[in-house]
PDB file of all heavy atoms in Angstrom:
ATOM      1  N   ALA A   1      72.208 103.039  84.532  1.00  0.00           N
ATOM      2  CA  ALA A   1      70.960 103.096  83.774  1.00  0.00           C
ATOM      3  C   ALA A   1      70.972 102.036  82.672  1.00  0.00           C
ATOM      4  O   ALA A   1      69.971 101.378  82.419  1.00  0.00           O
ATOM      5  CB  ALA A   1      70.765 104.489  83.184  1.00  0.00           C
ATOM      6  N   ASP A   2      72.115 101.862  82.040  1.00  0.00           N
ATOM      7  CA  ASP A   2      72.297 100.814  81.040  1.00  0.00           C
ATOM      8  C   ASP A   2      72.609  99.531  81.809  1.00  0.00           C
ATOM      9  O   ASP A   2      73.681  99.399  82.401  1.00  0.00           O
ATOM     10  CB  ASP A   2      73.450 101.179  80.097  1.00  0.00           C
ATOM     11  CG  ASP A   2      73.708 100.124  79.036  1.00  0.00           C
ATOM     12  OD1 ASP A   2      73.092  99.031  79.111  1.00  0.00           O
ATOM     13  OD2 ASP A   2      74.518 100.385  78.142  1.00  0.00           O
ATOM     14  N   GLU A   3      71.696  98.608  81.828  1.00  0.00           N
ATOM     15  CA  GLU A   3      71.839  97.404  82.643  1.00  0.00           C
ATOM     16  C   GLU A   3      73.022  96.530  82.245  1.00  0.00           C
ATOM     17  O   GLU A   3      73.444  95.659  82.987  1.00  0.00           O
ATOM     18  CB  GLU A   3      70.548  96.590  82.606  1.00  0.00           C
ATOM     19  CG  GLU A   3      69.400  97.310  83.280  1.00  0.00           C
ATOM     20  CD  GLU A   3      68.111  96.514  83.218  1.00  0.00           C
ATOM     21  OE1 GLU A   3      68.140  95.349  82.784  1.00  0.00           O
ATOM     22  OE2 GLU A   3      67.080  97.065  83.612  1.00  0.00           O
ATOM     23  N   ARG A   4      73.575  96.759  81.058  1.00  0.00           N
ATOM     24  CA  ARG A   4      74.727  95.969  80.616  1.00  0.00           C
ATOM     25  C   ARG A   4      76.015  96.460  81.258  1.00  0.00           C
ATOM     26  O   ARG A   4      77.031  95.785  81.212  1.00  0.00           O
ATOM     27  CB  ARG A   4      74.858  96.026  79.098  1.00  0.00           C
ATOM     28  CG  ARG A   4      73.689  95.384  78.382  1.00  0.00           C
ATOM     29  CD  ARG A   4      73.764  95.643  76.914  1.00  0.00           C
ATOM     30  NE  ARG A   4      73.582  97.084  76.706  1.00  0.00           N
ATOM     31  CZ  ARG A   4      73.860  97.725  75.584  1.00  0.00           C
ATOM     32  NH1 ARG A   4      74.354  97.082  74.563  1.00  0.00           N
ATOM     33  NH2 ARG A   4      73.657  99.014  75.478  1.00  0.00           N
ATOM     34  N   ALA A   5      76.002  97.653  81.835  1.00  0.00           N
ATOM     35  CA  ALA A   5      77.216  98.237  82.424  1.00  0.00           C
ATOM     36  C   ALA A   5      77.036  98.368  83.933  1.00  0.00           C
ATOM     37  O   ALA A   5      75.938  98.579  84.424  1.00  0.00           O
ATOM     38  CB  ALA A   5      77.489  99.609  81.814  1.00  0.00           C
ATOM     39  N   SER A   6      78.107  98.219  84.639  1.00  0.00           N
ATOM     40  CA  SER A   6      78.082  98.455  86.082  1.00  0.00           C
ATOM     41  C   SER A   6      79.324  99.243  86.449  1.00  0.00           C
ATOM     42  O   SER A   6      80.256  99.371  85.664  1.00  0.00           O
ATOM     43  CB  SER A   6      78.008  97.145  86.861  1.00  0.00           C
ATOM     44  OG  SER A   6      79.131  96.348  86.604  1.00  0.00           O
ATOM     45  N   GLY A   7      79.308  99.769  87.645  1.00  0.00           N
ATOM     46  CA  GLY A   7      80.432 100.558  88.131  1.00  0.00           C
ATOM     47  C   GLY A   7      80.826 100.095  89.514  1.00  0.00           C
ATOM     48  O   GLY A   7      80.383  99.046  89.992  1.00  0.00           O
ATOM     49  N   VAL A   8      81.618 100.897  90.157  1.00  0.00           N
ATOM     50  CA  VAL A   8      82.101 100.551  91.488  1.00  0.00           C
ATOM     51  C   VAL A   8      82.362 101.841  92.246  1.00  0.00           C
ATOM     52  O   VAL A   8      82.702 102.868  91.657  1.00  0.00           O
ATOM     53  CB  VAL A   8      83.367  99.655  91.391  1.00  0.00           C
ATOM     54  CG1 VAL A   8      84.520 100.390  90.782  1.00  0.00           C
ATOM     55  CG2 VAL A   8      83.743  99.075  92.720  1.00  0.00           C
ATOM     56  N   GLU A   9      82.183 101.785  93.565  1.00  0.00           N
ATOM     57  CA  GLU A   9      82.483 102.937  94.413  1.00  0.00           C
ATOM     58  C   GLU A   9      83.049 102.450  95.732  1.00  0.00           C
ATOM     59  O   GLU A   9      82.838 101.301  96.115  1.00  0.00           O
ATOM     60  CB  GLU A   9      81.229 103.788  94.633  1.00  0.00           C
ATOM     61  CG  GLU A   9      80.143 103.087  95.423  1.00  0.00           C
ATOM     62  CD  GLU A   9      78.850 103.887  95.524  1.00  0.00           C
ATOM     63  OE1 GLU A   9      78.708 104.899  94.820  1.00  0.00           O
ATOM     64  OE2 GLU A   9      77.982 103.475  96.311  1.00  0.00           O
ATOM     65  N   LEU A  10      83.781 103.321  96.393  1.00  0.00           N
ATOM     66  CA  LEU A  10      84.312 102.988  97.715  1.00  0.00           C
ATOM     67  C   LEU A  10      83.178 103.001  98.730  1.00  0.00           C
ATOM     68  O   LEU A  10      82.281 103.838  98.664  1.00  0.00           O
ATOM     69  CB  LEU A  10      85.364 104.007  98.158  1.00  0.00           C
ATOM     70  CG  LEU A  10      86.688 104.036  97.415  1.00  0.00           C
ATOM     71  CD1 LEU A  10      87.570 105.143  97.988  1.00  0.00           C
ATOM     72  CD2 LEU A  10      87.404 102.708  97.477  1.00  0.00           C
ATOM     73  N   THR A  11      83.237 102.093  99.669  1.00  0.00           N
ATOM     74  CA  THR A  11      82.336 102.152 100.816  1.00  0.00           C
ATOM     75  C   THR A  11      82.939 103.141 101.819  1.00  0.00           C
ATOM     76  O   THR A  11      84.073 103.617 101.634  1.00  0.00           O
ATOM     77  CB  THR A  11      82.207 100.771 101.483  1.00  0.00           C
ATOM     78  OG1 THR A  11      83.504 100.386 101.968  1.00  0.00           O
ATOM     79  CG2 THR A  11      81.666  99.730 100.521  1.00  0.00           C
ATOM     80  N   ASP A  12      82.207 103.434 102.872  1.00  0.00           N
ATOM     81  CA  ASP A  12      82.767 104.285 103.926  1.00  0.00           C
ATOM     82  C   ASP A  12      84.016 103.636 104.525  1.00  0.00           C
ATOM     83  O   ASP A  12      85.005 104.307 104.809  1.00  0.00           O
ATOM     84  CB  ASP A  12      81.734 104.550 105.024  1.00  0.00           C
ATOM     85  CG  ASP A  12      80.605 105.451 104.556  1.00  0.00           C
ATOM     86  OD1 ASP A  12      80.765 106.148 103.527  1.00  0.00           O
ATOM     87  OD2 ASP A  12      79.544 105.456 105.218  1.00  0.00           O
ATOM     88  N   THR A  13      83.974 102.316 104.681  1.00  0.00           N
ATOM     89  CA  THR A  13      85.138 101.584 105.198  1.00  0.00           C
ATOM     90  C   THR A  13      86.312 101.705 104.232  1.00  0.00           C
ATOM     91  O   THR A  13      87.456 101.897 104.653  1.00  0.00           O
ATOM     92  CB  THR A  13      84.775 100.099 105.417  1.00  0.00           C
ATOM     93  OG1 THR A  13      83.680 100.024 106.322  1.00  0.00           O
ATOM     94  CG2 THR A  13      85.951  99.316 105.954  1.00  0.00           C
ATOM     95  N   GLY A  14      86.034 101.606 102.946  1.00  0.00           N
ATOM     96  CA  GLY A  14      87.075 101.742 101.932  1.00  0.00           C
ATOM     97  C   GLY A  14      87.675 103.136 101.915  1.00  0.00           C
ATOM     98  O   GLY A  14      88.892 103.296 101.802  1.00  0.00           O
ATOM     99  N   ALA A  15      86.826 104.148 102.028  1.00  0.00           N
ATOM    100  CA  ALA A  15      87.313 105.526 102.047  1.00  0.00           C
ATOM    101  C   ALA A  15      88.200 105.761 103.271  1.00  0.00           C
ATOM    102  O   ALA A  15      89.251 106.408 103.174  1.00  0.00           O
ATOM    103  CB  ALA A  15      86.141 106.507 102.038  1.00  0.00           C
ATOM    104  N   ALA A  16      87.804 105.214 104.411  1.00  0.00           N
ATOM    105  CA  ALA A  16      88.615 105.351 105.634  1.00  0.00           C
ATOM    106  C   ALA A  16      89.937 104.612 105.490  1.00  0.00           C
ATOM    107  O   ALA A  16      90.996 105.119 105.895  1.00  0.00           O
ATOM    108  CB  ALA A  16      87.835 104.833 106.841  1.00  0.00           C
ATOM    109  N   ALA A  17      89.907 103.414 104.906  1.00  0.00           N
ATOM    110  CA  ALA A  17      91.140 102.645 104.702  1.00  0.00           C
ATOM    111  C   ALA A  17      92.089 103.385 103.761  1.00  0.00           C
ATOM    112  O   ALA A  17      93.300 103.445 104.008  1.00  0.00           O
ATOM    113  CB  ALA A  17      90.816 101.263 104.139  1.00  0.00           C
ATOM    114  N   LEU A  18      91.545 103.975 102.700  1.00  0.00           N
ATOM    115  CA  LEU A  18      92.376 104.722 101.763  1.00  0.00           C
ATOM    116  C   LEU A  18      92.970 105.951 102.431  1.00  0.00           C
ATOM    117  O   LEU A  18      94.148 106.263 102.241  1.00  0.00           O
ATOM    118  CB  LEU A  18      91.555 105.115 100.532  1.00  0.00           C
ATOM    119  CG  LEU A  18      92.320 105.710  99.370  1.00  0.00           C
ATOM    120  CD1 LEU A  18      93.422 104.778  98.886  1.00  0.00           C
ATOM    121  CD2 LEU A  18      91.369 106.041  98.228  1.00  0.00           C
ATOM    122  N   GLN A  19      92.187 106.624 103.245  1.00  0.00           N
ATOM    123  CA  GLN A  19      92.691 107.796 103.964  1.00  0.00           C
ATOM    124  C   GLN A  19      93.826 107.409 104.913  1.00  0.00           C
ATOM    125  O   GLN A  19      94.820 108.129 105.025  1.00  0.00           O
ATOM    126  CB  GLN A  19      91.557 108.463 104.749  1.00  0.00           C
ATOM    127  CG  GLN A  19      91.958 109.751 105.415  1.00  0.00           C
ATOM    128  CD  GLN A  19      90.775 110.449 106.077  1.00  0.00           C
ATOM    129  OE1 GLN A  19      89.639 109.999 105.989  1.00  0.00           O
ATOM    130  NE2 GLN A  19      91.040 111.542 106.749  1.00  0.00           N
ATOM    131  N   THR A  20      93.709 106.272 105.559  1.00  0.00           N
ATOM    132  CA  THR A  20      94.763 105.775 106.438  1.00  0.00           C
ATOM    133  C   THR A  20      96.003 105.388 105.635  1.00  0.00           C
ATOM    134  O   THR A  20      97.140 105.628 106.056  1.00  0.00           O
ATOM    135  CB  THR A  20      94.261 104.553 107.241  1.00  0.00           C
ATOM    136  OG1 THR A  20      93.152 104.958 108.036  1.00  0.00           O
ATOM    137  CG2 THR A  20      95.353 103.979 108.122  1.00  0.00           C
ATOM    138  N   ALA A  21      95.796 104.801 104.467  1.00  0.00           N
ATOM    139  CA  ALA A  21      96.912 104.302 103.650  1.00  0.00           C
ATOM    140  C   ALA A  21      97.696 105.416 102.968  1.00  0.00           C
ATOM    141  O   ALA A  21      98.899 105.258 102.728  1.00  0.00           O
ATOM    142  CB  ALA A  21      96.384 103.336 102.603  1.00  0.00           C
ATOM    143  N   GLU A  22      97.057 106.517 102.633  1.00  0.00           N
ATOM    144  CA  GLU A  22      97.719 107.547 101.834  1.00  0.00           C
ATOM    145  C   GLU A  22      99.014 108.082 102.447  1.00  0.00           C
ATOM    146  O   GLU A  22     100.030 108.134 101.765  1.00  0.00           O
ATOM    147  CB  GLU A  22      96.749 108.669 101.496  1.00  0.00           C
ATOM    148  CG  GLU A  22      95.789 108.240 100.406  1.00  0.00           C
ATOM    149  CD  GLU A  22      94.734 109.265 100.058  1.00  0.00           C
ATOM    150  OE1 GLU A  22      94.204 109.945 100.970  1.00  0.00           O
ATOM    151  OE2 GLU A  22      94.441 109.378  98.857  1.00  0.00           O
ATOM    152  N   PRO A  23      99.032 108.474 103.720  1.00  0.00           N
ATOM    153  CA  PRO A  23     100.316 108.947 104.265  1.00  0.00           C
ATOM    154  C   PRO A  23     101.366 107.839 104.345  1.00  0.00           C
ATOM    155  O   PRO A  23     102.554 108.098 104.166  1.00  0.00           O
ATOM    156  CB  PRO A  23      99.965 109.486 105.658  1.00  0.00           C
ATOM    157  CG  PRO A  23      98.618 108.974 105.971  1.00  0.00           C
ATOM    158  CD  PRO A  23      97.947 108.637 104.681  1.00  0.00           C
ATOM    159  N   LEU A  24     100.943 106.614 104.578  1.00  0.00           N
ATOM    160  CA  LEU A  24     101.878 105.492 104.604  1.00  0.00           C
ATOM    161  C   LEU A  24     102.477 105.273 103.214  1.00  0.00           C
ATOM    162  O   LEU A  24     103.670 105.007 103.085  1.00  0.00           O
ATOM    163  CB  LEU A  24     101.173 104.222 105.086  1.00  0.00           C
ATOM    164  CG  LEU A  24     100.559 104.298 106.486  1.00  0.00           C
ATOM    165  CD1 LEU A  24      99.725 103.063 106.770  1.00  0.00           C
ATOM    166  CD2 LEU A  24     101.628 104.504 107.540  1.00  0.00           C
ATOM    167  N   TRP A  25     101.663 105.392 102.175  1.00  0.00           N
ATOM    168  CA  TRP A  25     102.129 105.258 100.797  1.00  0.00           C
ATOM    169  C   TRP A  25     103.124 106.366 100.461  1.00  0.00           C
ATOM    170  O   TRP A  25     104.178 106.100  99.888  1.00  0.00           O
ATOM    171  CB  TRP A  25     100.939 105.285  99.841  1.00  0.00           C
ATOM    172  CG  TRP A  25     101.323 105.123  98.407  1.00  0.00           C
ATOM    173  CD1 TRP A  25     101.437 106.116  97.477  1.00  0.00           C
ATOM    174  CD2 TRP A  25     101.681 103.926  97.742  1.00  0.00           C
ATOM    175  NE1 TRP A  25     101.833 105.602  96.272  1.00  0.00           N
ATOM    176  CE2 TRP A  25     101.990 104.253  96.406  1.00  0.00           C
ATOM    177  CE3 TRP A  25     101.763 102.595  98.149  1.00  0.00           C
ATOM    178  CZ2 TRP A  25     102.373 103.298  95.482  1.00  0.00           C
ATOM    179  CZ3 TRP A  25     102.137 101.655  97.213  1.00  0.00           C
ATOM    180  CH2 TRP A  25     102.444 102.012  95.901  1.00  0.00           C
ATOM    181  N   ARG A  26     102.791 107.592 100.842  1.00  0.00           N
ATOM    182  CA  ARG A  26     103.713 108.716 100.581  1.00  0.00           C
ATOM    183  C   ARG A  26     105.038 108.492 101.300  1.00  0.00           C
ATOM    184  O   ARG A  26     106.103 108.735 100.732  1.00  0.00           O
ATOM    185  CB  ARG A  26     103.084 110.040 101.006  1.00  0.00           C
ATOM    186  CG  ARG A  26     102.070 110.570 100.023  1.00  0.00           C
ATOM    187  CD  ARG A  26     101.677 111.998 100.338  1.00  0.00           C
ATOM    188  NE  ARG A  26     101.112 112.153 101.673  1.00  0.00           N
ATOM    189  CZ  ARG A  26      99.815 112.055 101.967  1.00  0.00           C
ATOM    190  NH1 ARG A  26      98.943 111.814 101.018  1.00  0.00           N
ATOM    191  NH2 ARG A  26      99.394 112.216 103.196  1.00  0.00           N
ATOM    192  N   ASP A  27     104.990 108.037 102.537  1.00  0.00           N
ATOM    193  CA  ASP A  27     106.222 107.766 103.294  1.00  0.00           C
ATOM    194  C   ASP A  27     107.054 106.679 102.617  1.00  0.00           C
ATOM    195  O   ASP A  27     108.279 106.794 102.524  1.00  0.00           O
ATOM    196  CB  ASP A  27     105.908 107.350 104.734  1.00  0.00           C
ATOM    197  CG  ASP A  27     105.372 108.491 105.579  1.00  0.00           C
ATOM    198  OD1 ASP A  27     105.426 109.665 105.136  1.00  0.00           O
ATOM    199  OD2 ASP A  27     104.864 108.197 106.684  1.00  0.00           O
ATOM    200  N   ALA A  28     106.394 105.634 102.149  1.00  0.00           N
ATOM    201  CA  ALA A  28     107.112 104.544 101.468  1.00  0.00           C
ATOM    202  C   ALA A  28     107.747 105.043 100.176  1.00  0.00           C
ATOM    203  O   ALA A  28     108.892 104.689  99.863  1.00  0.00           O
ATOM    204  CB  ALA A  28     106.160 103.393 101.184  1.00  0.00           C
ATOM    205  N   GLN A  29     107.030 105.870  99.428  1.00  0.00           N
ATOM    206  CA  GLN A  29     107.569 106.422  98.194  1.00  0.00           C
ATOM    207  C   GLN A  29     108.774 107.316  98.480  1.00  0.00           C
ATOM    208  O   GLN A  29     109.788 107.254  97.787  1.00  0.00           O
ATOM    209  CB  GLN A  29     106.496 107.227  97.449  1.00  0.00           C
ATOM    210  CG  GLN A  29     105.333 106.390  96.969  1.00  0.00           C
ATOM    211  CD  GLN A  29     105.772 105.315  96.003  1.00  0.00           C
ATOM    212  OE1 GLN A  29     106.412 105.590  95.002  1.00  0.00           O
ATOM    213  NE2 GLN A  29     105.430 104.078  96.309  1.00  0.00           N
ATOM    214  N   GLU A  30     108.677 108.123  99.507  1.00  0.00           N
ATOM    215  CA  GLU A  30     109.783 109.010  99.886  1.00  0.00           C
ATOM    216  C   GLU A  30     110.999 108.205 100.334  1.00  0.00           C
ATOM    217  O   GLU A  30     112.132 108.514  99.978  1.00  0.00           O
ATOM    218  CB  GLU A  30     109.344 109.966 100.993  1.00  0.00           C
ATOM    219  CG  GLU A  30     110.383 110.964 101.410  1.00  0.00           C
ATOM    220  CD  GLU A  30     110.773 111.944 100.306  1.00  0.00           C
ATOM    221  OE1 GLU A  30     109.950 112.201  99.404  1.00  0.00           O
ATOM    222  OE2 GLU A  30     111.907 112.439 100.334  1.00  0.00           O
ATOM    223  N   MET A  31     110.756 107.140 101.095  1.00  0.00           N
ATOM    224  CA  MET A  31     111.847 106.286 101.540  1.00  0.00           C
ATOM    225  C   MET A  31     112.572 105.676 100.335  1.00  0.00           C
ATOM    226  O   MET A  31     113.803 105.649 100.290  1.00  0.00           O
ATOM    227  CB  MET A  31     111.325 105.172 102.441  1.00  0.00           C
ATOM    228  CG  MET A  31     112.417 104.260 102.975  1.00  0.00           C
ATOM    229  SD  MET A  31     111.783 102.900 103.958  1.00  0.00           S
ATOM    230  CE  MET A  31     111.092 101.865 102.669  1.00  0.00           C
ATOM    231  N   MET A  32     111.812 105.212  99.349  1.00  0.00           N
ATOM    232  CA  MET A  32     112.432 104.624  98.162  1.00  0.00           C
ATOM    233  C   MET A  32     113.199 105.684  97.360  1.00  0.00           C
ATOM    234  O   MET A  32     114.282 105.403  96.851  1.00  0.00           O
ATOM    235  CB  MET A  32     111.386 103.944  97.283  1.00  0.00           C
ATOM    236  CG  MET A  32     110.791 102.703  97.926  1.00  0.00           C
ATOM    237  SD  MET A  32     112.024 101.494  98.482  1.00  0.00           S
ATOM    238  CE  MET A  32     112.720 100.975  96.929  1.00  0.00           C
ATOM    239  N   ARG A  33     112.650 106.885  97.246  1.00  0.00           N
ATOM    240  CA  ARG A  33     113.375 107.956  96.550  1.00  0.00           C
ATOM    241  C   ARG A  33     114.685 108.270  97.263  1.00  0.00           C
ATOM    242  O   ARG A  33     115.721 108.465  96.626  1.00  0.00           O
ATOM    243  CB  ARG A  33     112.513 109.218  96.456  1.00  0.00           C
ATOM    244  CG  ARG A  33     111.617 109.245  95.243  1.00  0.00           C
ATOM    245  CD  ARG A  33     110.986 110.606  95.046  1.00  0.00           C
ATOM    246  NE  ARG A  33     110.046 110.955  96.101  1.00  0.00           N
ATOM    247  CZ  ARG A  33     108.787 110.544  96.159  1.00  0.00           C
ATOM    248  NH1 ARG A  33     108.292 109.776  95.228  1.00  0.00           N
ATOM    249  NH2 ARG A  33     108.009 110.918  97.145  1.00  0.00           N
ATOM    250  N   ASN A  34     114.651 108.307  98.583  1.00  0.00           N
ATOM    251  CA  ASN A  34     115.871 108.573  99.354  1.00  0.00           C
ATOM    252  C   ASN A  34     116.888 107.447  99.188  1.00  0.00           C
ATOM    253  O   ASN A  34     118.085 107.688  99.131  1.00  0.00           O
ATOM    254  CB  ASN A  34     115.538 108.769 100.828  1.00  0.00           C
ATOM    255  CG  ASN A  34     114.823 110.067 101.090  1.00  0.00           C
ATOM    256  OD1 ASN A  34     114.893 111.011 100.291  1.00  0.00           O
ATOM    257  ND2 ASN A  34     114.092 110.127 102.179  1.00  0.00           N
ATOM    258  N   ARG A  35     116.405 106.226  99.137  1.00  0.00           N
ATOM    259  CA  ARG A  35     117.288 105.078  98.995  1.00  0.00           C
ATOM    260  C   ARG A  35     117.897 104.968  97.612  1.00  0.00           C
ATOM    261  O   ARG A  35     119.062 104.652  97.459  1.00  0.00           O
ATOM    262  CB  ARG A  35     116.495 103.804  99.243  1.00  0.00           C
ATOM    263  CG  ARG A  35     116.791 103.153 100.515  1.00  0.00           C
ATOM    264  CD  ARG A  35     116.066 101.849 100.561  1.00  0.00           C
ATOM    265  NE  ARG A  35     116.624 101.142 101.687  1.00  0.00           N
ATOM    266  CZ  ARG A  35     116.118 100.070 102.189  1.00  0.00           C
ATOM    267  NH1 ARG A  35     115.052  99.541 101.649  1.00  0.00           N
ATOM    268  NH2 ARG A  35     116.676  99.495 103.213  1.00  0.00           N
ATOM    269  N   LEU A  36     117.064 105.202  96.609  1.00  0.00           N
ATOM    270  CA  LEU A  36     117.502 104.989  95.237  1.00  0.00           C
ATOM    271  C   LEU A  36     117.993 106.259  94.561  1.00  0.00           C
ATOM    272  O   LEU A  36     118.672 106.193  93.547  1.00  0.00           O
ATOM    273  CB  LEU A  36     116.361 104.396  94.398  1.00  0.00           C
ATOM    274  CG  LEU A  36     115.851 103.040  94.872  1.00  0.00           C
ATOM    275  CD1 LEU A  36     114.632 102.638  94.072  1.00  0.00           C
ATOM    276  CD2 LEU A  36     116.946 101.993  94.783  1.00  0.00           C
ATOM    277  N   GLY A  37     117.647 107.396  95.104  1.00  0.00           N
ATOM    278  CA  GLY A  37     118.002 108.652  94.470  1.00  0.00           C
ATOM    279  C   GLY A  37     117.105 108.917  93.275  1.00  0.00           C
ATOM    280  O   GLY A  37     116.243 108.123  92.923  1.00  0.00           O
ATOM    281  N   ALA A  38     117.345 110.033  92.642  1.00  0.00           N
ATOM    282  CA  ALA A  38     116.548 110.396  91.467  1.00  0.00           C
ATOM    283  C   ALA A  38     117.176 109.754  90.244  1.00  0.00           C
ATOM    284  O   ALA A  38     118.327 110.008  89.927  1.00  0.00           O
ATOM    285  CB  ALA A  38     116.495 111.905  91.319  1.00  0.00           C
ATOM    286  N   ALA A  39     116.426 108.917  89.590  1.00  0.00           N
ATOM    287  CA  ALA A  39     116.920 108.263  88.374  1.00  0.00           C
ATOM    288  C   ALA A  39     116.231 108.880  87.170  1.00  0.00           C
ATOM    289  O   ALA A  39     115.035 109.117  87.186  1.00  0.00           O
ATOM    290  CB  ALA A  39     116.635 106.770  88.431  1.00  0.00           C
ATOM    291  N   ASP A  40     117.017 109.153  86.135  1.00  0.00           N
ATOM    292  CA  ASP A  40     116.444 109.740  84.929  1.00  0.00           C
ATOM    293  C   ASP A  40     115.715 108.706  84.084  1.00  0.00           C
ATOM    294  O   ASP A  40     114.827 109.039  83.325  1.00  0.00           O
ATOM    295  CB  ASP A  40     117.532 110.416  84.086  1.00  0.00           C
ATOM    296  CG  ASP A  40     118.117 111.621  84.789  1.00  0.00           C
ATOM    297  OD1 ASP A  40     117.391 112.252  85.589  1.00  0.00           O
ATOM    298  OD2 ASP A  40     119.295 111.917  84.550  1.00  0.00           O
ATOM    299  N   ASP A  41     116.106 107.464  84.189  1.00  0.00           N
ATOM    300  CA  ASP A  41     115.432 106.432  83.419  1.00  0.00           C
ATOM    301  C   ASP A  41     115.518 105.097  84.136  1.00  0.00           C
ATOM    302  O   ASP A  41     116.222 104.931  85.123  1.00  0.00           O
ATOM    303  CB  ASP A  41     115.996 106.336  81.997  1.00  0.00           C
ATOM    304  CG  ASP A  41     117.475 105.958  81.964  1.00  0.00           C
ATOM    305  OD1 ASP A  41     117.947 105.239  82.873  1.00  0.00           O
ATOM    306  OD2 ASP A  41     118.155 106.377  81.032  1.00  0.00           O
ATOM    307  N   LEU A  42     114.788 104.141  83.628  1.00  0.00           N
ATOM    308  CA  LEU A  42     114.707 102.831  84.259  1.00  0.00           C
ATOM    309  C   LEU A  42     116.050 102.112  84.287  1.00  0.00           C
ATOM    310  O   LEU A  42     116.408 101.494  85.284  1.00  0.00           O
ATOM    311  CB  LEU A  42     113.667 101.974  83.535  1.00  0.00           C
ATOM    312  CG  LEU A  42     113.424 100.587  84.099  1.00  0.00           C
ATOM    313  CD1 LEU A  42     112.994 100.652  85.562  1.00  0.00           C
ATOM    314  CD2 LEU A  42     112.373  99.865  83.276  1.00  0.00           C
ATOM    315  N   LEU A  43     116.827 102.194  83.229  1.00  0.00           N
ATOM    316  CA  LEU A  43     118.126 101.511  83.208  1.00  0.00           C
ATOM    317  C   LEU A  43     119.054 102.061  84.282  1.00  0.00           C
ATOM    318  O   LEU A  43     119.746 101.298  84.965  1.00  0.00           O
ATOM    319  CB  LEU A  43     118.768 101.636  81.831  1.00  0.00           C
ATOM    320  CG  LEU A  43     118.103 100.838  80.718  1.00  0.00           C
ATOM    321  CD1 LEU A  43     118.769 101.112  79.380  1.00  0.00           C
ATOM    322  CD2 LEU A  43     118.115  99.353  81.026  1.00  0.00           C
ATOM    323  N   GLU A  44     119.046 103.356  84.462  1.00  0.00           N
ATOM    324  CA  GLU A  44     119.874 103.944  85.508  1.00  0.00           C
ATOM    325  C   GLU A  44     119.424 103.451  86.877  1.00  0.00           C
ATOM    326  O   GLU A  44     120.236 103.102  87.734  1.00  0.00           O
ATOM    327  CB  GLU A  44     119.788 105.477  85.450  1.00  0.00           C
ATOM    328  CG  GLU A  44     120.655 106.157  86.493  1.00  0.00           C
ATOM    329  CD  GLU A  44     120.506 107.677  86.471  1.00  0.00           C
ATOM    330  OE1 GLU A  44     120.185 108.238  85.419  1.00  0.00           O
ATOM    331  OE2 GLU A  44     120.725 108.265  87.543  1.00  0.00           O
TER     332      GLU A  44
END
């Protein structure tokens, strides 16, 4: 409504791409946790 501001939204293609990516992202995060173990801080 305020012409000085704009926003952004996912398209249907974007929503589908994100849905496809989410399990792959979770798998990658889990793989890294398994590889690196649980670290209490960045230095560790």
